[in-house]
Amino acid sequence: MGKNITLTAAQGFSLGAYVAQPQGTPKGAVVVVQEIFGVNQHIRQVADGYAAQGYYAVAPKLFDRIEADIELGYDAQDMGRGIELAFQQLDHALALADLQATITAAAAHGNVGVVGYCFGGLMTWLSACQLDGVSAVSSYYGGGVAAHMDKSPKCPVMMHFGELDAHIPMADVETVRASLPDSQIYVYAADHGFNCDHRDSFNADAAELAQARTLAHFAKFIAV
């Protein structure tokens, strides 16, 4: 269903992206923000899923700033490398610039929503606060989101967390909930990564409910 394209971002930097097109005219666009594992098979499948729902879906390869076309698996070694790439090597300001370029390009297909997972969940929250042209966001188990509650969103926000997530304590979730009383903050009986059916932590019930809520959120604020 999808294909790889090249986007031009700040300072003329070229980064790759995976694009999935819907049948017919898109009812809007969804930017899919990767986990720490890059734009791998799972993220491509997520983009394909949004395309199947009628959206132009695009997943920028944010690790291209470090090395082109990084794709990781879910074993301990790859997880360690992913954490290092996302939180130690990657310049988050440049990653946001790359997201802005993606959002701007996606806007040719309608209003733009952003959805992200893990590291991408954090980037999704920052996109809501700092980037232009975003109509709504849905952040899944964003690592470090609670540390950025000094920022204010410019669009409707939805967030999803797992109560069994050792990486994001419930105290952080309560900080987020208290800081964003007008946003939709959901907690599931699930672990970190519950949306990814390539991981042992996949929880089908939580993934299905979170997806339904996200689709309703995007239908309200993005779909034309």
N, C-alpha and C. Protein backbone atom coordinates (compact mmCIF):
# COMPACT_ATOMS: atom_id res chain seq x y z
N MET A 1 0.82 -1.20 0.00
CA MET A 1 0.00 0.00 0.00
C MET A 1 0.86 1.26 0.00
N GLY A 2 2.02 1.22 0.68
CA GLY A 2 2.80 2.42 0.87
C GLY A 2 4.06 2.47 0.02
N LYS A 3 4.76 3.60 0.16
CA LYS A 3 6.02 3.79 -0.56
C LYS A 3 6.90 4.74 0.24
N ASN A 4 8.17 4.76 -0.08
CA ASN A 4 9.10 5.68 0.54
C ASN A 4 9.24 6.94 -0.30
N ILE A 5 9.30 8.09 0.38
CA ILE A 5 9.49 9.37 -0.29
C ILE A 5 10.62 10.11 0.42
N THR A 6 11.00 11.25 -0.13
CA THR A 6 12.00 12.11 0.49
C THR A 6 11.38 13.47 0.76
N LEU A 7 11.61 13.98 1.96
CA LEU A 7 11.14 15.30 2.36
C LEU A 7 12.34 16.22 2.56
N THR A 8 12.12 17.50 2.36
CA THR A 8 13.16 18.48 2.61
C THR A 8 12.80 19.29 3.85
N ALA A 9 13.69 19.30 4.82
CA ALA A 9 13.44 19.96 6.10
C ALA A 9 14.36 21.17 6.26
N ALA A 10 14.52 21.58 7.50
CA ALA A 10 15.32 22.77 7.80
C ALA A 10 16.75 22.61 7.29
N GLN A 11 17.31 23.73 6.83
CA GLN A 11 18.68 23.77 6.35
C GLN A 11 18.88 22.86 5.13
N GLY A 12 17.80 22.56 4.42
CA GLY A 12 17.89 21.75 3.22
C GLY A 12 18.13 20.28 3.46
N PHE A 13 17.99 19.83 4.71
CA PHE A 13 18.22 18.41 5.02
C PHE A 13 17.15 17.54 4.37
N SER A 14 17.56 16.45 3.77
CA SER A 14 16.64 15.49 3.16
C SER A 14 16.47 14.29 4.08
N LEU A 15 15.23 13.98 4.39
CA LEU A 15 14.97 12.80 5.20
C LEU A 15 13.93 11.94 4.50
N GLY A 16 14.02 10.65 4.78
CA GLY A 16 13.07 9.72 4.21
C GLY A 16 11.78 9.70 5.00
N ALA A 17 10.74 9.19 4.37
CA ALA A 17 9.45 9.01 5.04
C ALA A 17 8.71 7.89 4.32
N TYR A 18 7.89 7.21 5.08
CA TYR A 18 7.01 6.19 4.51
C TYR A 18 5.62 6.79 4.37
N VAL A 19 5.04 6.67 3.19
CA VAL A 19 3.72 7.23 2.91
C VAL A 19 2.76 6.13 2.53
N ALA A 20 1.56 6.17 3.09
CA ALA A 20 0.47 5.28 2.70
C ALA A 20 -0.71 6.12 2.26
N GLN A 21 -1.21 5.85 1.07
CA GLN A 21 -2.29 6.63 0.49
C GLN A 21 -3.62 5.88 0.62
N PRO A 22 -4.69 6.60 0.94
CA PRO A 22 -6.00 5.95 0.98
C PRO A 22 -6.57 5.79 -0.42
N GLN A 23 -7.61 5.02 -0.55
CA GLN A 23 -8.35 4.97 -1.79
C GLN A 23 -9.21 6.23 -1.88
N GLY A 24 -9.18 6.88 -3.02
CA GLY A 24 -9.97 8.09 -3.17
C GLY A 24 -9.30 9.30 -2.54
N THR A 25 -10.04 10.37 -2.41
CA THR A 25 -9.52 11.62 -1.85
C THR A 25 -9.37 11.50 -0.35
N PRO A 26 -8.21 11.85 0.21
CA PRO A 26 -8.02 11.76 1.66
C PRO A 26 -9.00 12.68 2.40
N LYS A 27 -9.44 12.24 3.56
CA LYS A 27 -10.28 13.10 4.39
C LYS A 27 -9.45 13.91 5.38
N GLY A 28 -8.15 13.85 5.22
CA GLY A 28 -7.20 14.54 6.08
C GLY A 28 -5.89 13.79 6.07
N ALA A 29 -4.96 14.23 6.88
CA ALA A 29 -3.63 13.61 6.93
C ALA A 29 -3.27 13.26 8.37
N VAL A 30 -2.53 12.18 8.52
CA VAL A 30 -2.03 11.76 9.84
C VAL A 30 -0.53 11.54 9.73
N VAL A 31 0.22 12.25 10.57
CA VAL A 31 1.66 12.04 10.70
C VAL A 31 1.88 11.02 11.81
N VAL A 32 2.54 9.92 11.48
CA VAL A 32 2.80 8.84 12.42
C VAL A 32 4.25 8.95 12.90
N VAL A 33 4.43 9.14 14.20
CA VAL A 33 5.77 9.37 14.74
C VAL A 33 6.28 8.08 15.39
N GLN A 34 7.42 7.67 14.95
CA GLN A 34 8.04 6.39 15.30
C GLN A 34 8.33 6.22 16.79
N GLU A 35 8.51 4.97 17.17
CA GLU A 35 9.07 4.63 18.47
C GLU A 35 10.60 4.77 18.40
N ILE A 36 11.27 4.28 19.42
CA ILE A 36 12.74 4.30 19.42
C ILE A 36 13.32 3.31 18.42
N PHE A 37 12.46 2.55 17.75
CA PHE A 37 12.93 1.48 16.86
C PHE A 37 12.96 1.91 15.39
N GLY A 38 12.71 3.19 15.13
CA GLY A 38 12.73 3.68 13.76
C GLY A 38 11.42 3.42 13.03
N VAL A 39 11.41 3.75 11.75
CA VAL A 39 10.23 3.47 10.93
C VAL A 39 10.37 2.03 10.43
N ASN A 40 9.98 1.12 11.31
CA ASN A 40 10.12 -0.31 11.03
C ASN A 40 8.78 -0.88 10.53
N GLN A 41 8.70 -2.17 10.45
CA GLN A 41 7.50 -2.80 9.91
C GLN A 41 6.24 -2.40 10.68
N HIS A 42 6.34 -2.33 11.99
CA HIS A 42 5.18 -1.98 12.79
C HIS A 42 4.69 -0.57 12.46
N ILE A 43 5.59 0.39 12.39
CA ILE A 43 5.18 1.77 12.11
C ILE A 43 4.60 1.88 10.70
N ARG A 44 5.17 1.14 9.77
CA ARG A 44 4.59 1.12 8.42
C ARG A 44 3.17 0.55 8.45
N GLN A 45 2.96 -0.47 9.26
CA GLN A 45 1.63 -1.05 9.38
C GLN A 45 0.64 -0.07 10.02
N VAL A 46 1.13 0.70 10.98
CA VAL A 46 0.28 1.73 11.59
C VAL A 46 -0.14 2.75 10.54
N ALA A 47 0.83 3.20 9.74
CA ALA A 47 0.50 4.15 8.67
C ALA A 47 -0.49 3.54 7.69
N ASP A 48 -0.28 2.29 7.32
CA ASP A 48 -1.21 1.60 6.42
C ASP A 48 -2.63 1.58 7.01
N GLY A 49 -2.69 1.40 8.34
CA GLY A 49 -3.99 1.37 9.00
C GLY A 49 -4.73 2.69 8.92
N TYR A 50 -4.00 3.78 9.07
CA TYR A 50 -4.65 5.09 8.94
C TYR A 50 -5.06 5.36 7.50
N ALA A 51 -4.26 4.90 6.55
CA ALA A 51 -4.65 5.04 5.15
C ALA A 51 -5.93 4.26 4.87
N ALA A 52 -6.04 3.09 5.46
CA ALA A 52 -7.25 2.28 5.28
C ALA A 52 -8.48 2.98 5.85
N GLN A 53 -8.26 3.90 6.80
CA GLN A 53 -9.35 4.67 7.39
C GLN A 53 -9.64 5.95 6.61
N GLY A 54 -8.92 6.16 5.50
CA GLY A 54 -9.20 7.28 4.64
C GLY A 54 -8.26 8.46 4.75
N TYR A 55 -7.19 8.30 5.54
CA TYR A 55 -6.24 9.39 5.73
C TYR A 55 -4.98 9.19 4.89
N TYR A 56 -4.40 10.29 4.44
CA TYR A 56 -3.04 10.29 3.91
C TYR A 56 -2.13 10.15 5.12
N ALA A 57 -1.36 9.09 5.19
CA ALA A 57 -0.54 8.81 6.36
C ALA A 57 0.94 8.85 6.00
N VAL A 58 1.73 9.52 6.82
CA VAL A 58 3.16 9.65 6.54
C VAL A 58 3.95 9.50 7.83
N ALA A 59 4.99 8.67 7.78
CA ALA A 59 5.85 8.41 8.93
C ALA A 59 7.27 8.87 8.60
N PRO A 60 7.69 10.03 9.11
CA PRO A 60 9.04 10.52 8.82
C PRO A 60 10.10 9.71 9.55
N LYS A 61 11.23 9.52 8.90
CA LYS A 61 12.33 8.74 9.48
C LYS A 61 13.24 9.68 10.26
N LEU A 62 12.86 9.92 11.51
CA LEU A 62 13.55 10.93 12.32
C LEU A 62 14.99 10.56 12.63
N PHE A 63 15.32 9.29 12.59
CA PHE A 63 16.71 8.88 12.84
C PHE A 63 17.62 9.14 11.64
N ASP A 64 17.06 9.58 10.52
CA ASP A 64 17.91 9.88 9.36
C ASP A 64 18.93 10.97 9.67
N ARG A 65 18.67 11.78 10.67
CA ARG A 65 19.66 12.78 11.10
C ARG A 65 20.93 12.11 11.62
N ILE A 66 20.80 10.87 12.06
CA ILE A 66 21.95 10.12 12.59
C ILE A 66 22.49 9.16 11.54
N GLU A 67 21.59 8.39 10.97
CA GLU A 67 21.95 7.38 9.96
C GLU A 67 20.69 7.03 9.18
N ALA A 68 20.79 6.89 7.89
CA ALA A 68 19.62 6.66 7.05
C ALA A 68 19.01 5.28 7.28
N ASP A 69 17.67 5.26 7.29
CA ASP A 69 16.89 4.02 7.23
C ASP A 69 17.16 3.06 8.39
N ILE A 70 17.30 3.59 9.59
CA ILE A 70 17.48 2.72 10.76
C ILE A 70 16.16 2.02 11.08
N GLU A 71 16.23 0.71 11.19
CA GLU A 71 15.09 -0.10 11.63
C GLU A 71 15.59 -1.09 12.67
N LEU A 72 14.94 -1.10 13.82
CA LEU A 72 15.36 -1.96 14.92
C LEU A 72 14.24 -2.93 15.29
N GLY A 73 14.65 -4.01 15.94
CA GLY A 73 13.71 -4.97 16.49
C GLY A 73 13.46 -4.68 17.96
N TYR A 74 12.99 -5.70 18.69
CA TYR A 74 12.53 -5.48 20.06
C TYR A 74 13.31 -6.27 21.10
N ASP A 75 14.47 -6.83 20.72
CA ASP A 75 15.26 -7.53 21.72
C ASP A 75 16.03 -6.50 22.56
N ALA A 76 16.70 -6.99 23.59
CA ALA A 76 17.36 -6.09 24.53
C ALA A 76 18.44 -5.25 23.87
N GLN A 77 19.17 -5.83 22.94
CA GLN A 77 20.24 -5.10 22.27
C GLN A 77 19.68 -3.95 21.44
N ASP A 78 18.66 -4.23 20.65
CA ASP A 78 18.07 -3.18 19.83
C ASP A 78 17.37 -2.14 20.70
N MET A 79 16.77 -2.57 21.79
CA MET A 79 16.12 -1.60 22.67
C MET A 79 17.14 -0.64 23.26
N GLY A 80 18.29 -1.18 23.67
CA GLY A 80 19.34 -0.32 24.19
C GLY A 80 19.84 0.66 23.15
N ARG A 81 20.00 0.19 21.93
CA ARG A 81 20.44 1.09 20.86
C ARG A 81 19.39 2.15 20.56
N GLY A 82 18.13 1.73 20.57
CA GLY A 82 17.06 2.68 20.30
C GLY A 82 16.99 3.79 21.32
N ILE A 83 17.14 3.44 22.59
CA ILE A 83 17.14 4.45 23.66
C ILE A 83 18.29 5.43 23.46
N GLU A 84 19.45 4.89 23.12
CA GLU A 84 20.61 5.75 22.89
C GLU A 84 20.37 6.68 21.70
N LEU A 85 19.83 6.14 20.61
CA LEU A 85 19.57 6.95 19.43
C LEU A 85 18.57 8.07 19.72
N ALA A 86 17.47 7.70 20.37
CA ALA A 86 16.36 8.64 20.55
C ALA A 86 16.64 9.69 21.62
N PHE A 87 17.32 9.29 22.68
CA PHE A 87 17.42 10.19 23.83
C PHE A 87 18.83 10.69 24.12
N GLN A 88 19.82 10.18 23.37
CA GLN A 88 21.18 10.65 23.58
C GLN A 88 21.80 11.24 22.31
N GLN A 89 21.57 10.59 21.19
CA GLN A 89 22.21 11.05 19.95
C GLN A 89 21.36 12.04 19.15
N LEU A 90 20.06 11.85 19.14
CA LEU A 90 19.20 12.67 18.30
C LEU A 90 19.00 14.05 18.90
N ASP A 91 19.17 15.08 18.09
CA ASP A 91 18.87 16.45 18.48
C ASP A 91 17.36 16.65 18.35
N HIS A 92 16.68 16.79 19.48
CA HIS A 92 15.22 16.86 19.45
C HIS A 92 14.71 18.12 18.75
N ALA A 93 15.47 19.19 18.80
CA ALA A 93 15.08 20.40 18.08
C ALA A 93 15.06 20.14 16.57
N LEU A 94 16.05 19.42 16.09
CA LEU A 94 16.08 19.08 14.66
C LEU A 94 14.98 18.07 14.33
N ALA A 95 14.71 17.14 15.25
CA ALA A 95 13.61 16.20 15.02
C ALA A 95 12.28 16.93 14.89
N LEU A 96 12.08 17.97 15.70
CA LEU A 96 10.86 18.76 15.60
C LEU A 96 10.83 19.54 14.29
N ALA A 97 11.99 20.02 13.85
CA ALA A 97 12.05 20.69 12.54
C ALA A 97 11.67 19.73 11.43
N ASP A 98 12.11 18.48 11.55
CA ASP A 98 11.75 17.48 10.55
C ASP A 98 10.26 17.16 10.60
N LEU A 99 9.70 17.15 11.80
CA LEU A 99 8.26 16.94 11.93
C LEU A 99 7.49 18.12 11.35
N GLN A 100 7.99 19.33 11.56
CA GLN A 100 7.31 20.48 10.98
C GLN A 100 7.30 20.39 9.45
N ALA A 101 8.41 19.98 8.87
CA ALA A 101 8.46 19.82 7.41
C ALA A 101 7.46 18.76 6.96
N THR A 102 7.34 17.69 7.74
CA THR A 102 6.40 16.62 7.40
C THR A 102 4.97 17.11 7.49
N ILE A 103 4.65 17.83 8.55
CA ILE A 103 3.31 18.37 8.74
C ILE A 103 2.95 19.34 7.62
N THR A 104 3.88 20.21 7.28
CA THR A 104 3.64 21.19 6.22
C THR A 104 3.36 20.50 4.90
N ALA A 105 4.14 19.46 4.59
CA ALA A 105 3.92 18.72 3.35
C ALA A 105 2.59 17.97 3.38
N ALA A 106 2.27 17.38 4.53
CA ALA A 106 1.04 16.60 4.65
C ALA A 106 -0.21 17.47 4.53
N ALA A 107 -0.08 18.76 4.85
CA ALA A 107 -1.22 19.66 4.83
C ALA A 107 -1.81 19.82 3.43
N ALA A 108 -1.06 19.42 2.42
CA ALA A 108 -1.61 19.43 1.05
C ALA A 108 -2.78 18.47 0.92
N HIS A 109 -2.93 17.57 1.88
CA HIS A 109 -3.98 16.54 1.83
C HIS A 109 -5.08 16.78 2.85
N GLY A 110 -5.11 17.96 3.46
CA GLY A 110 -6.16 18.29 4.41
C GLY A 110 -5.61 18.64 5.77
N ASN A 111 -6.50 18.74 6.75
CA ASN A 111 -6.08 19.00 8.12
C ASN A 111 -5.18 17.87 8.61
N VAL A 112 -4.25 18.21 9.50
CA VAL A 112 -3.21 17.25 9.90
C VAL A 112 -3.34 16.89 11.38
N GLY A 113 -3.36 15.60 11.63
CA GLY A 113 -3.25 15.09 12.99
C GLY A 113 -1.91 14.41 13.17
N VAL A 114 -1.46 14.33 14.41
CA VAL A 114 -0.20 13.66 14.72
C VAL A 114 -0.48 12.57 15.75
N VAL A 115 0.03 11.37 15.49
CA VAL A 115 -0.05 10.27 16.44
C VAL A 115 1.35 9.70 16.61
N GLY A 116 1.75 9.41 17.84
CA GLY A 116 3.09 8.89 18.07
C GLY A 116 3.13 7.95 19.25
N TYR A 117 4.17 7.13 19.28
CA TYR A 117 4.27 6.03 20.22
C TYR A 117 5.62 6.05 20.91
N CYS A 118 5.63 5.91 22.26
CA CYS A 118 6.90 5.83 22.99
C CYS A 118 7.65 7.16 22.81
N PHE A 119 8.86 7.15 22.29
CA PHE A 119 9.56 8.38 21.94
C PHE A 119 8.68 9.26 21.06
N GLY A 120 7.97 8.65 20.14
CA GLY A 120 7.06 9.39 19.28
C GLY A 120 5.90 10.02 20.04
N GLY A 121 5.52 9.42 21.16
CA GLY A 121 4.49 10.02 22.00
C GLY A 121 4.95 11.34 22.59
N LEU A 122 6.22 11.39 22.99
CA LEU A 122 6.79 12.65 23.46
C LEU A 122 6.85 13.67 22.34
N MET A 123 7.32 13.26 21.17
CA MET A 123 7.40 14.18 20.03
C MET A 123 6.01 14.67 19.61
N THR A 124 5.02 13.82 19.78
CA THR A 124 3.65 14.21 19.47
C THR A 124 3.18 15.33 20.39
N TRP A 125 3.43 15.19 21.68
CA TRP A 125 3.09 16.24 22.64
C TRP A 125 3.82 17.54 22.31
N LEU A 126 5.09 17.46 22.03
CA LEU A 126 5.86 18.66 21.69
C LEU A 126 5.35 19.27 20.38
N SER A 127 4.92 18.44 19.45
CA SER A 127 4.34 18.95 18.21
C SER A 127 3.09 19.76 18.50
N ALA A 128 2.26 19.27 19.41
CA ALA A 128 1.02 19.98 19.76
C ALA A 128 1.31 21.36 20.34
N CYS A 129 2.43 21.48 21.03
CA CYS A 129 2.77 22.72 21.72
C CYS A 129 3.61 23.67 20.89
N GLN A 130 4.48 23.14 20.04
CA GLN A 130 5.51 23.96 19.42
C GLN A 130 5.42 24.09 17.90
N LEU A 131 4.66 23.23 17.25
CA LEU A 131 4.64 23.25 15.79
C LEU A 131 3.35 23.86 15.26
N ASP A 132 3.40 24.26 14.00
CA ASP A 132 2.26 24.90 13.35
C ASP A 132 1.54 23.92 12.43
N GLY A 133 0.24 24.16 12.27
CA GLY A 133 -0.53 23.38 11.31
C GLY A 133 -1.03 22.04 11.83
N VAL A 134 -1.03 21.85 13.16
CA VAL A 134 -1.50 20.60 13.74
C VAL A 134 -2.93 20.81 14.26
N SER A 135 -3.86 19.99 13.79
CA SER A 135 -5.27 20.13 14.18
C SER A 135 -5.63 19.32 15.41
N ALA A 136 -4.93 18.22 15.66
CA ALA A 136 -5.20 17.37 16.83
C ALA A 136 -4.06 16.37 16.96
N VAL A 137 -3.84 15.88 18.19
CA VAL A 137 -2.81 14.87 18.40
C VAL A 137 -3.32 13.75 19.30
N SER A 138 -2.70 12.59 19.16
CA SER A 138 -2.94 11.46 20.04
C SER A 138 -1.60 10.84 20.39
N SER A 139 -1.23 10.92 21.65
CA SER A 139 0.08 10.48 22.13
C SER A 139 -0.06 9.18 22.91
N TYR A 140 0.70 8.17 22.50
CA TYR A 140 0.70 6.88 23.19
C TYR A 140 1.96 6.73 24.04
N TYR A 141 1.77 6.45 25.31
CA TYR A 141 2.84 6.18 26.28
C TYR A 141 4.12 6.96 25.99
N GLY A 142 3.95 8.29 25.97
CA GLY A 142 5.07 9.17 25.68
C GLY A 142 6.05 9.26 26.84
N GLY A 143 7.26 8.76 26.63
CA GLY A 143 8.28 8.80 27.66
C GLY A 143 8.77 10.22 27.89
N GLY A 144 8.66 10.72 29.12
CA GLY A 144 9.16 12.05 29.43
C GLY A 144 8.14 13.15 29.26
N VAL A 145 6.91 12.83 28.88
CA VAL A 145 5.90 13.86 28.68
C VAL A 145 5.68 14.68 29.95
N ALA A 146 5.66 14.01 31.08
CA ALA A 146 5.37 14.71 32.34
C ALA A 146 6.39 15.80 32.65
N ALA A 147 7.59 15.67 32.12
CA ALA A 147 8.63 16.68 32.35
C ALA A 147 8.44 17.92 31.49
N HIS A 148 7.46 17.89 30.60
CA HIS A 148 7.23 19.01 29.68
C HIS A 148 5.85 19.61 29.88
N MET A 149 5.35 19.58 31.10
CA MET A 149 4.04 20.15 31.37
C MET A 149 4.08 21.66 31.54
N ASP A 150 5.25 22.26 31.38
CA ASP A 150 5.35 23.72 31.37
C ASP A 150 4.90 24.30 30.04
N LYS A 151 4.66 23.44 29.07
CA LYS A 151 4.23 23.87 27.74
C LYS A 151 2.72 23.76 27.60
N SER A 152 2.17 24.53 26.66
CA SER A 152 0.73 24.54 26.46
C SER A 152 0.40 24.11 25.03
N PRO A 153 -0.56 23.20 24.88
CA PRO A 153 -0.92 22.73 23.54
C PRO A 153 -1.71 23.77 22.77
N LYS A 154 -1.54 23.76 21.45
CA LYS A 154 -2.25 24.66 20.56
C LYS A 154 -3.39 23.96 19.83
N CYS A 155 -3.65 22.70 20.18
CA CYS A 155 -4.70 21.93 19.53
C CYS A 155 -5.23 20.90 20.52
N PRO A 156 -6.36 20.25 20.22
CA PRO A 156 -6.90 19.22 21.11
C PRO A 156 -5.93 18.04 21.27
N VAL A 157 -5.81 17.58 22.51
CA VAL A 157 -4.83 16.55 22.87
C VAL A 157 -5.53 15.34 23.48
N MET A 158 -5.08 14.16 23.04
CA MET A 158 -5.48 12.90 23.64
C MET A 158 -4.20 12.15 23.99
N MET A 159 -4.18 11.49 25.16
CA MET A 159 -3.02 10.69 25.55
C MET A 159 -3.47 9.34 26.09
N HIS A 160 -2.61 8.33 25.87
CA HIS A 160 -2.88 6.96 26.30
C HIS A 160 -1.69 6.43 27.09
N PHE A 161 -1.95 5.87 28.25
CA PHE A 161 -0.91 5.30 29.09
C PHE A 161 -1.32 3.91 29.58
N GLY A 162 -0.32 3.10 29.93
CA GLY A 162 -0.57 1.78 30.51
C GLY A 162 -0.25 1.80 31.99
N GLU A 163 -1.16 1.30 32.81
CA GLU A 163 -0.94 1.35 34.25
C GLU A 163 0.14 0.36 34.70
N LEU A 164 0.52 -0.57 33.82
CA LEU A 164 1.58 -1.53 34.14
C LEU A 164 2.94 -1.10 33.59
N ASP A 165 3.01 0.11 33.04
CA ASP A 165 4.20 0.62 32.37
C ASP A 165 5.26 1.02 33.39
N ALA A 166 6.37 0.24 33.45
CA ALA A 166 7.45 0.54 34.39
C ALA A 166 8.24 1.77 33.97
N HIS A 167 8.13 2.17 32.71
CA HIS A 167 8.88 3.32 32.20
C HIS A 167 8.19 4.65 32.52
N ILE A 168 6.89 4.62 32.72
CA ILE A 168 6.13 5.83 33.00
C ILE A 168 5.29 5.58 34.25
N PRO A 169 5.76 6.01 35.43
CA PRO A 169 5.02 5.77 36.66
C PRO A 169 3.67 6.48 36.66
N MET A 170 2.72 5.92 37.40
CA MET A 170 1.39 6.51 37.45
C MET A 170 1.43 7.91 38.05
N ALA A 171 2.42 8.19 38.87
CA ALA A 171 2.55 9.55 39.40
C ALA A 171 2.76 10.55 38.27
N ASP A 172 3.51 10.14 37.24
CA ASP A 172 3.70 11.01 36.08
C ASP A 172 2.39 11.19 35.32
N VAL A 173 1.64 10.12 35.20
CA VAL A 173 0.35 10.21 34.50
C VAL A 173 -0.57 11.17 35.24
N GLU A 174 -0.57 11.11 36.57
CA GLU A 174 -1.41 12.02 37.35
C GLU A 174 -0.94 13.46 37.21
N THR A 175 0.36 13.66 37.06
CA THR A 175 0.88 15.01 36.79
C THR A 175 0.34 15.53 35.47
N VAL A 176 0.36 14.67 34.46
CA VAL A 176 -0.16 15.04 33.15
C VAL A 176 -1.66 15.35 33.25
N ARG A 177 -2.39 14.49 33.92
CA ARG A 177 -3.85 14.67 34.04
C ARG A 177 -4.18 15.99 34.75
N ALA A 178 -3.44 16.28 35.80
CA ALA A 178 -3.69 17.51 36.55
C ALA A 178 -3.33 18.75 35.74
N SER A 179 -2.30 18.62 34.90
CA SER A 179 -1.84 19.76 34.10
C SER A 179 -2.71 20.01 32.88
N LEU A 180 -3.44 18.98 32.43
CA LEU A 180 -4.24 19.08 31.21
C LEU A 180 -5.69 18.69 31.50
N PRO A 181 -6.39 19.47 32.33
CA PRO A 181 -7.75 19.09 32.72
C PRO A 181 -8.74 19.07 31.56
N ASP A 182 -8.43 19.76 30.48
CA ASP A 182 -9.34 19.82 29.34
C ASP A 182 -8.99 18.80 28.25
N SER A 183 -7.97 17.99 28.49
CA SER A 183 -7.56 16.99 27.50
C SER A 183 -8.08 15.61 27.88
N GLN A 184 -8.08 14.72 26.92
CA GLN A 184 -8.53 13.35 27.15
C GLN A 184 -7.31 12.49 27.50
N ILE A 185 -7.21 12.09 28.76
CA ILE A 185 -6.09 11.28 29.24
C ILE A 185 -6.65 9.92 29.66
N TYR A 186 -6.20 8.86 29.00
CA TYR A 186 -6.74 7.53 29.26
C TYR A 186 -5.65 6.61 29.80
N VAL A 187 -6.05 5.72 30.71
CA VAL A 187 -5.15 4.73 31.28
C VAL A 187 -5.76 3.35 31.05
N TYR A 188 -4.92 2.41 30.62
CA TYR A 188 -5.36 1.06 30.29
C TYR A 188 -4.66 0.04 31.18
N ALA A 189 -5.29 -1.09 31.37
CA ALA A 189 -4.67 -2.19 32.13
C ALA A 189 -3.68 -2.89 31.21
N ALA A 190 -2.60 -2.20 30.91
CA ALA A 190 -1.65 -2.67 29.90
C ALA A 190 -0.26 -2.13 30.20
N ASP A 191 0.72 -2.66 29.48
CA ASP A 191 2.12 -2.31 29.68
C ASP A 191 2.55 -1.32 28.61
N HIS A 192 3.79 -0.85 28.72
CA HIS A 192 4.38 0.00 27.70
C HIS A 192 4.41 -0.74 26.36
N GLY A 193 4.09 -0.03 25.29
CA GLY A 193 4.10 -0.67 23.98
C GLY A 193 2.88 -1.50 23.68
N PHE A 194 1.78 -1.25 24.40
CA PHE A 194 0.62 -2.14 24.25
C PHE A 194 -0.01 -2.10 22.86
N ASN A 195 0.30 -1.07 22.07
CA ASN A 195 -0.29 -0.99 20.74
C ASN A 195 0.45 -1.85 19.71
N CYS A 196 1.66 -2.29 20.02
CA CYS A 196 2.51 -2.95 19.03
C CYS A 196 2.35 -4.47 19.09
N ASP A 197 1.77 -5.03 18.03
CA ASP A 197 1.53 -6.48 18.03
C ASP A 197 2.78 -7.28 17.67
N HIS A 198 3.93 -6.61 17.58
CA HIS A 198 5.21 -7.29 17.40
C HIS A 198 5.93 -7.48 18.74
N ARG A 199 5.33 -6.98 19.82
CA ARG A 199 5.99 -7.01 21.12
C ARG A 199 5.21 -7.90 22.09
N ASP A 200 5.93 -8.43 23.07
CA ASP A 200 5.28 -9.26 24.08
C ASP A 200 4.27 -8.46 24.91
N SER A 201 4.46 -7.16 24.98
CA SER A 201 3.58 -6.31 25.77
C SER A 201 2.30 -5.93 25.04
N PHE A 202 2.12 -6.42 23.82
CA PHE A 202 0.90 -6.11 23.06
C PHE A 202 -0.34 -6.52 23.84
N ASN A 203 -1.31 -5.60 23.88
CA ASN A 203 -2.59 -5.87 24.53
C ASN A 203 -3.70 -5.52 23.54
N ALA A 204 -4.32 -6.54 22.99
CA ALA A 204 -5.28 -6.33 21.90
C ALA A 204 -6.45 -5.46 22.32
N ASP A 205 -6.96 -5.69 23.54
CA ASP A 205 -8.12 -4.93 24.00
C ASP A 205 -7.78 -3.45 24.16
N ALA A 206 -6.63 -3.18 24.79
CA ALA A 206 -6.21 -1.79 24.98
C ALA A 206 -5.92 -1.12 23.65
N ALA A 207 -5.25 -1.84 22.76
CA ALA A 207 -4.92 -1.28 21.45
C ALA A 207 -6.18 -0.94 20.67
N GLU A 208 -7.17 -1.83 20.71
CA GLU A 208 -8.41 -1.60 19.97
C GLU A 208 -9.17 -0.39 20.52
N LEU A 209 -9.24 -0.28 21.84
CA LEU A 209 -9.97 0.83 22.45
C LEU A 209 -9.26 2.16 22.21
N ALA A 210 -7.94 2.16 22.37
CA ALA A 210 -7.18 3.38 22.13
C ALA A 210 -7.29 3.82 20.67
N GLN A 211 -7.28 2.86 19.76
CA GLN A 211 -7.42 3.18 18.34
C GLN A 211 -8.79 3.76 18.05
N ALA A 212 -9.82 3.18 18.62
CA ALA A 212 -11.17 3.68 18.40
C ALA A 212 -11.30 5.11 18.91
N ARG A 213 -10.73 5.37 20.08
CA ARG A 213 -10.78 6.73 20.63
C ARG A 213 -9.99 7.70 19.77
N THR A 214 -8.84 7.26 19.28
CA THR A 214 -8.03 8.13 18.42
C THR A 214 -8.74 8.43 17.11
N LEU A 215 -9.35 7.43 16.51
CA LEU A 215 -10.07 7.65 15.26
C LEU A 215 -11.24 8.60 15.46
N ALA A 216 -11.95 8.50 16.58
CA ALA A 216 -13.05 9.42 16.86
C ALA A 216 -12.53 10.85 17.06
N HIS A 217 -11.40 10.95 17.73
CA HIS A 217 -10.73 12.24 17.97
C HIS A 217 -10.35 12.88 16.64
N PHE A 218 -9.74 12.11 15.77
CA PHE A 218 -9.32 12.65 14.48
C PHE A 218 -10.54 12.93 13.58
N ALA A 219 -11.55 12.10 13.66
CA ALA A 219 -12.75 12.35 12.86
C ALA A 219 -13.38 13.69 13.23
N LYS A 220 -13.32 14.03 14.50
CA LYS A 220 -13.93 15.27 14.99
C LYS A 220 -13.13 16.50 14.56
N PHE A 221 -11.80 16.38 14.60
CA PHE A 221 -10.97 17.58 14.43
C PHE A 221 -10.20 17.65 13.10
N ILE A 222 -10.15 16.54 12.39
CA ILE A 222 -9.34 16.51 11.16
C ILE A 222 -10.18 16.25 9.92
N ALA A 223 -11.04 15.25 9.97
CA ALA A 223 -11.73 14.78 8.77
C ALA A 223 -12.59 15.87 8.16
N VAL A 224 -12.59 15.93 6.85
CA VAL A 224 -13.37 16.94 6.13
C VAL A 224 -14.55 16.28 5.41
